[in-house]
C-alpha atoms as a PDB file:
ATOM      1  CA  UNK A   1    -111.038  12.543  84.701  1.00  0.00           C
ATOM      2  CA  UNK A   2    -108.006  10.922  82.861  1.00  0.00           C
ATOM      3  CA  UNK A   3    -109.766  12.113  78.995  1.00  0.00           C
ATOM      4  CA  UNK A   4    -109.958  15.661  80.758  1.00  0.00           C
ATOM      5  CA  UNK A   5    -105.852  15.261  81.824  1.00  0.00           C
ATOM      6  CA  UNK A   6    -104.891  14.167  77.988  1.00  0.00           C
ATOM      7  CA  UNK A   7    -107.199  16.608  76.141  1.00  0.00           C
ATOM      8  CA  UNK A   8    -105.600  19.369  78.395  1.00  0.00           C
ATOM      9  CA  UNK A   9    -102.239  18.302  77.549  1.00  0.00           C
ATOM     10  CA  UNK A  10    -103.080  17.755  73.849  1.00  0.00           C
ATOM     11  CA  UNK A  11    -104.584  21.083  73.898  1.00  0.00           C
ATOM     12  CA  UNK A  12    -101.439  22.361  75.592  1.00  0.00           C
ATOM     13  CA  UNK A  13     -99.201  20.971  73.458  1.00  0.00           C
ATOM     14  CA  UNK A  14    -100.927  22.103  70.272  1.00  0.00           C
ATOM     15  CA  UNK A  15    -100.912  25.692  71.764  1.00  0.00           C
ATOM     16  CA  UNK A  16     -97.087  25.829  71.962  1.00  0.00           C
ATOM     17  CA  UNK A  17     -95.928  26.437  68.601  1.00  0.00           C
ATOM     18  CA  UNK A  18     -98.665  29.432  68.551  1.00  0.00           C
ATOM     19  CA  UNK A  19     -96.889  30.765  71.836  1.00  0.00           C
ATOM     20  CA  UNK A  20     -93.764  30.744  70.282  1.00  0.00           C
ATOM     21  CA  UNK A  21     -94.594  33.302  67.104  1.00  0.00           C
ATOM     22  CA  UNK A  22     -90.982  34.954  66.415  1.00  0.00           C
ATOM     23  CA  UNK A  23     -93.345  37.324  64.166  1.00  0.00           C
ATOM     24  CA  UNK A  24     -93.292  40.664  65.999  1.00  0.00           C
ATOM     25  CA  UNK A  25     -93.494  43.754  64.451  1.00  0.00           C
ATOM     26  CA  UNK A  26     -90.484  46.017  64.271  1.00  0.00           C
ATOM     27  CA  UNK A  27     -90.550  49.689  64.308  1.00  0.00           C
ATOM     28  CA  UNK A  28     -89.490  50.754  61.198  1.00  0.00           C
ATOM     29  CA  UNK A  29     -86.342  52.686  60.840  1.00  0.00           C
ATOM     30  CA  UNK A  30     -86.255  56.185  60.070  1.00  0.00           C
ATOM     31  CA  UNK A  31     -84.851  57.808  56.756  1.00  0.00           C
ATOM     32  CA  UNK A  32     -82.546  60.009  58.190  1.00  0.00           C
ATOM     33  CA  UNK A  33     -81.394  56.557  59.856  1.00  0.00           C
ATOM     34  CA  UNK A  34     -81.208  54.058  56.995  1.00  0.00           C
ATOM     35  CA  UNK A  35     -79.288  56.548  55.273  1.00  0.00           C
ATOM     36  CA  UNK A  36     -76.056  56.718  57.913  1.00  0.00           C
ATOM     37  CA  UNK A  37     -76.439  52.728  58.118  1.00  0.00           C
ATOM     38  CA  UNK A  38     -75.589  52.390  54.921  1.00  0.00           C
ATOM     39  CA  UNK A  39     -72.999  55.368  53.943  1.00  0.00           C
ATOM     40  CA  UNK A  40     -69.759  54.247  55.152  1.00  0.00           C
ATOM     41  CA  UNK A  41     -68.165  56.503  57.684  1.00  0.00           C
ATOM     42  CA  UNK A  42     -65.801  59.820  57.067  1.00  0.00           C
ATOM     43  CA  UNK A  43     -62.639  58.156  58.673  1.00  0.00           C
ATOM     44  CA  UNK A  44     -63.207  54.800  56.709  1.00  0.00           C
ATOM     45  CA  UNK A  45     -61.766  53.811  52.878  1.00  0.00           C
ATOM     46  CA  UNK A  46     -64.719  52.321  50.606  1.00  0.00           C
ATOM     47  CA  UNK A  47     -64.204  48.490  50.742  1.00  0.00           C
ATOM     48  CA  UNK A  48     -61.404  47.006  48.201  1.00  0.00           C
ATOM     49  CA  UNK A  49     -63.005  44.254  45.861  1.00  0.00           C
ATOM     50  CA  UNK A  50     -60.876  41.100  47.262  1.00  0.00           C
ATOM     51  CA  UNK A  51     -58.743  38.697  45.230  1.00  0.00           C
ATOM     52  CA  UNK A  52     -60.351  35.610  45.024  1.00  0.00           C
ATOM     53  CA  UNK A  53     -58.194  33.028  45.140  1.00  0.00           C
ATOM     54  CA  UNK A  54     -59.102  29.385  43.966  1.00  0.00           C
ATOM     55  CA  UNK A  55     -58.041  26.708  46.772  1.00  0.00           C
ATOM     56  CA  UNK A  56     -56.058  23.924  45.689  1.00  0.00           C
ATOM     57  CA  UNK A  57     -57.878  20.730  47.461  1.00  0.00           C
ATOM     58  CA  UNK A  58     -56.639  17.489  46.977  1.00  0.00           C
ATOM     59  CA  UNK A  59     -59.317  14.943  46.052  1.00  0.00           C
ATOM     60  CA  UNK A  60     -59.699  12.312  48.842  1.00  0.00           C
ATOM     61  CA  UNK A  61     -59.960   8.482  48.781  1.00  0.00           C
ATOM     62  CA  UNK A  62     -62.860   8.590  50.297  1.00  0.00           C
ATOM     63  CA  UNK A  63     -64.837  10.025  47.385  1.00  0.00           C
ATOM     64  CA  UNK A  64     -63.879   7.711  44.299  1.00  0.00           C
ATOM     65  CA  UNK A  65     -64.071   4.262  46.966  1.00  0.00           C
ATOM     66  CA  UNK A  66     -66.605   1.633  47.721  1.00  0.00           C
ATOM     67  CA  UNK A  67     -67.967   2.232  51.099  1.00  0.00           C
ATOM     68  CA  UNK A  68     -66.390  -0.604  53.085  1.00  0.00           C
ATOM     69  CA  UNK A  69     -63.294  -0.977  50.965  1.00  0.00           C
ATOM     70  CA  UNK A  70     -61.699   2.553  52.168  1.00  0.00           C
ATOM     71  CA  UNK A  71     -58.885   0.882  54.063  1.00  0.00           C
ATOM     72  CA  UNK A  72     -58.717  -2.193  51.988  1.00  0.00           C
ATOM     73  CA  UNK A  73     -55.197  -4.649  51.473  1.00  0.00           C
ATOM     74  CA  UNK A  74     -54.028  -6.467  49.604  1.00  0.00           C
ATOM     75  CA  UNK A  75     -54.115 -10.138  50.303  1.00  0.00           C
ATOM     76  CA  UNK A  76     -52.083 -12.718  48.029  1.00  0.00           C
ATOM     77  CA  UNK A  77     -52.829 -15.745  50.156  1.00  0.00           C
ATOM     78  CA  UNK A  78     -55.701 -17.922  49.512  1.00  0.00           C
ATOM     79  CA  UNK A  79     -57.799 -19.060  52.507  1.00  0.00           C
ATOM     80  CA  UNK A  80     -59.454 -22.275  53.401  1.00  0.00           C
ATOM     81  CA  UNK A  81     -62.529 -21.324  52.678  1.00  0.00           C
ATOM     82  CA  UNK A  82     -61.808 -20.344  49.301  1.00  0.00           C
ATOM     83  CA  UNK A  83     -64.145 -22.996  48.431  1.00  0.00           C
ATOM     84  CA  UNK A  84     -67.011 -20.704  48.739  1.00  0.00           C
ATOM     85  CA  UNK A  85     -67.322 -18.345  45.552  1.00  0.00           C
ATOM     86  CA  UNK A  86     -68.324 -15.687  48.324  1.00  0.00           C
ATOM     87  CA  UNK A  87     -65.257 -15.621  49.907  1.00  0.00           C
ATOM     88  CA  UNK A  88     -63.281 -15.507  46.579  1.00  0.00           C
ATOM     89  CA  UNK A  89     -64.939 -12.822  44.963  1.00  0.00           C
ATOM     90  CA  UNK A  90     -64.909 -10.790  48.008  1.00  0.00           C
ATOM     91  CA  UNK A  91     -61.248 -11.089  48.556  1.00  0.00           C
ATOM     92  CA  UNK A  92     -60.959 -10.292  45.017  1.00  0.00           C
ATOM     93  CA  UNK A  93     -63.164  -7.563  45.215  1.00  0.00           C
ATOM     94  CA  UNK A  94     -60.702  -5.989  48.200  1.00  0.00           C
ATOM     95  CA  UNK A  95     -57.839  -6.304  46.209  1.00  0.00           C
ATOM     96  CA  UNK A  96     -59.302  -4.511  42.948  1.00  0.00           C
ATOM     97  CA  UNK A  97     -59.759  -1.625  45.511  1.00  0.00           C
ATOM     98  CA  UNK A  98     -56.396  -1.980  47.227  1.00  0.00           C
ATOM     99  CA  UNK A  99     -54.715  -1.840  44.093  1.00  0.00           C
ATOM    100  CA  UNK A 100     -56.814   1.537  43.395  1.00  0.00           C
ATOM    101  CA  UNK A 101     -55.929   3.088  46.509  1.00  0.00           C
ATOM    102  CA  UNK A 102     -52.418   2.564  45.906  1.00  0.00           C
ATOM    103  CA  UNK A 103     -52.770   3.993  42.447  1.00  0.00           C
ATOM    104  CA  UNK A 104     -54.478   6.988  43.916  1.00  0.00           C
ATOM    105  CA  UNK A 105     -52.142   7.428  46.635  1.00  0.00           C
ATOM    106  CA  UNK A 106     -49.215   7.437  44.332  1.00  0.00           C
ATOM    107  CA  UNK A 107     -51.044   9.853  41.865  1.00  0.00           C
ATOM    108  CA  UNK A 108     -51.584  12.271  44.527  1.00  0.00           C
ATOM    109  CA  UNK A 109     -48.093  12.013  46.007  1.00  0.00           C
ATOM    110  CA  UNK A 110     -47.150  12.956  42.628  1.00  0.00           C
ATOM    111  CA  UNK A 111     -49.557  15.737  42.586  1.00  0.00           C
ATOM    112  CA  UNK A 112     -48.269  17.170  45.857  1.00  0.00           C
ATOM    113  CA  UNK A 113     -45.145  17.357  44.527  1.00  0.00           C
ATOM    114  CA  UNK A 114     -45.868  19.725  41.993  1.00  0.00           C
ATOM    115  CA  UNK A 115     -46.105  23.828  42.652  1.00  0.00           C
ATOM    116  CA  UNK A 116     -49.482  25.776  43.462  1.00  0.00           C
ATOM    117  CA  UNK A 117     -49.783  27.021  39.741  1.00  0.00           C
ATOM    118  CA  UNK A 118     -49.877  22.999  38.732  1.00  0.00           C
ATOM    119  CA  UNK A 119     -51.591  21.478  41.436  1.00  0.00           C
ATOM    120  CA  UNK A 120     -55.109  22.268  40.152  1.00  0.00           C
ATOM    121  CA  UNK A 121     -54.756  20.895  37.066  1.00  0.00           C
ATOM    122  CA  UNK A 122     -53.139  17.661  38.194  1.00  0.00           C
ATOM    123  CA  UNK A 123     -56.027  16.833  40.863  1.00  0.00           C
ATOM    124  CA  UNK A 124     -58.779  17.689  38.211  1.00  0.00           C
ATOM    125  CA  UNK A 125     -57.172  14.978  36.108  1.00  0.00           C
ATOM    126  CA  UNK A 126     -56.973  12.480  39.092  1.00  0.00           C
ATOM    127  CA  UNK A 127     -60.708  13.323  39.696  1.00  0.00           C
ATOM    128  CA  UNK A 128     -61.302  12.733  36.052  1.00  0.00           C
ATOM    129  CA  UNK A 129     -59.312   9.181  35.680  1.00  0.00           C
ATOM    130  CA  UNK A 130     -60.929   8.007  39.016  1.00  0.00           C
ATOM    131  CA  UNK A 131     -64.510   9.183  38.210  1.00  0.00           C
ATOM    132  CA  UNK A 132     -63.899   7.181  34.266  1.00  0.00           C
ATOM    133  CA  UNK A 133     -62.394   3.962  36.276  1.00  0.00           C
ATOM    134  CA  UNK A 134     -65.597   3.979  38.711  1.00  0.00           C
ATOM    135  CA  UNK A 135     -67.987   4.403  35.316  1.00  0.00           C
ATOM    136  CA  UNK A 136     -65.890   1.509  34.261  1.00  0.00           C
ATOM    137  CA  UNK A 137     -65.631  -0.782  37.367  1.00  0.00           C
ATOM    138  CA  UNK A 138     -69.832  -0.082  37.802  1.00  0.00           C
ATOM    139  CA  UNK A 139     -70.155  -1.437  33.944  1.00  0.00           C
ATOM    140  CA  UNK A 140     -67.986  -4.224  34.326  1.00  0.00           C
ATOM    141  CA  UNK A 141     -69.836  -5.166  37.043  1.00  0.00           C
ATOM    142  CA  UNK A 142     -73.317  -4.947  35.209  1.00  0.00           C
ATOM    143  CA  UNK A 143     -72.349  -6.913  32.498  1.00  0.00           C
ATOM    144  CA  UNK A 144     -71.024  -9.838  34.938  1.00  0.00           C
ATOM    145  CA  UNK A 145     -74.412  -9.304  36.502  1.00  0.00           C
ATOM    146  CA  UNK A 146     -75.707  -9.732  33.288  1.00  0.00           C
ATOM    147  CA  UNK A 147     -73.820 -13.218  32.231  1.00  0.00           C
ATOM    148  CA  UNK A 148     -74.905 -14.614  34.637  1.00  0.00           C
ATOM    149  CA  UNK A 149     -78.550 -14.306  34.505  1.00  0.00           C
ATOM    150  CA  UNK A 150     -78.527 -11.924  37.962  1.00  0.00           C
ATOM    151  CA  UNK A 151     -81.669  -9.493  37.608  1.00  0.00           C
ATOM    152  CA  UNK A 152     -80.669  -5.959  38.245  1.00  0.00           C
ATOM    153  CA  UNK A 153     -82.872  -4.162  39.537  1.00  0.00           C
ATOM    154  CA  UNK A 154     -85.957  -6.711  40.949  1.00  0.00           C
ATOM    155  CA  UNK A 155     -89.430  -4.363  42.085  1.00  0.00           C
END
């Protein structure tokens, strides 16, 4: 009995997508009506092409920052746990991203002070600078891992 009920439920569940088929055939539109749809109304003027303006969207810090370090704060103090290398390296990494964030925000403020025509070029320059810094950061990180004989891509 249980097997029959389970089989019935399975068949019903398998049939649901078939019953919900939305590919109903629509009646063809007569050509006379089609022409009226495609033509503009008599009082309506044809559309003029609109001017496309590029938006000067400022770059975001989160586009360049490593995940987890978006709001890093520079700390100059040494903890009691500095004897552990991972605590020291984490503090160094946080300080690095905090300095980069301050630099990014200062450059962004200077870009925002410019007029609209110069903002786009300033923003693109800021993006290029941050991307170059990220490339250099990745390169230095790989080099450091290589020097310390740490496998990069374990399989």
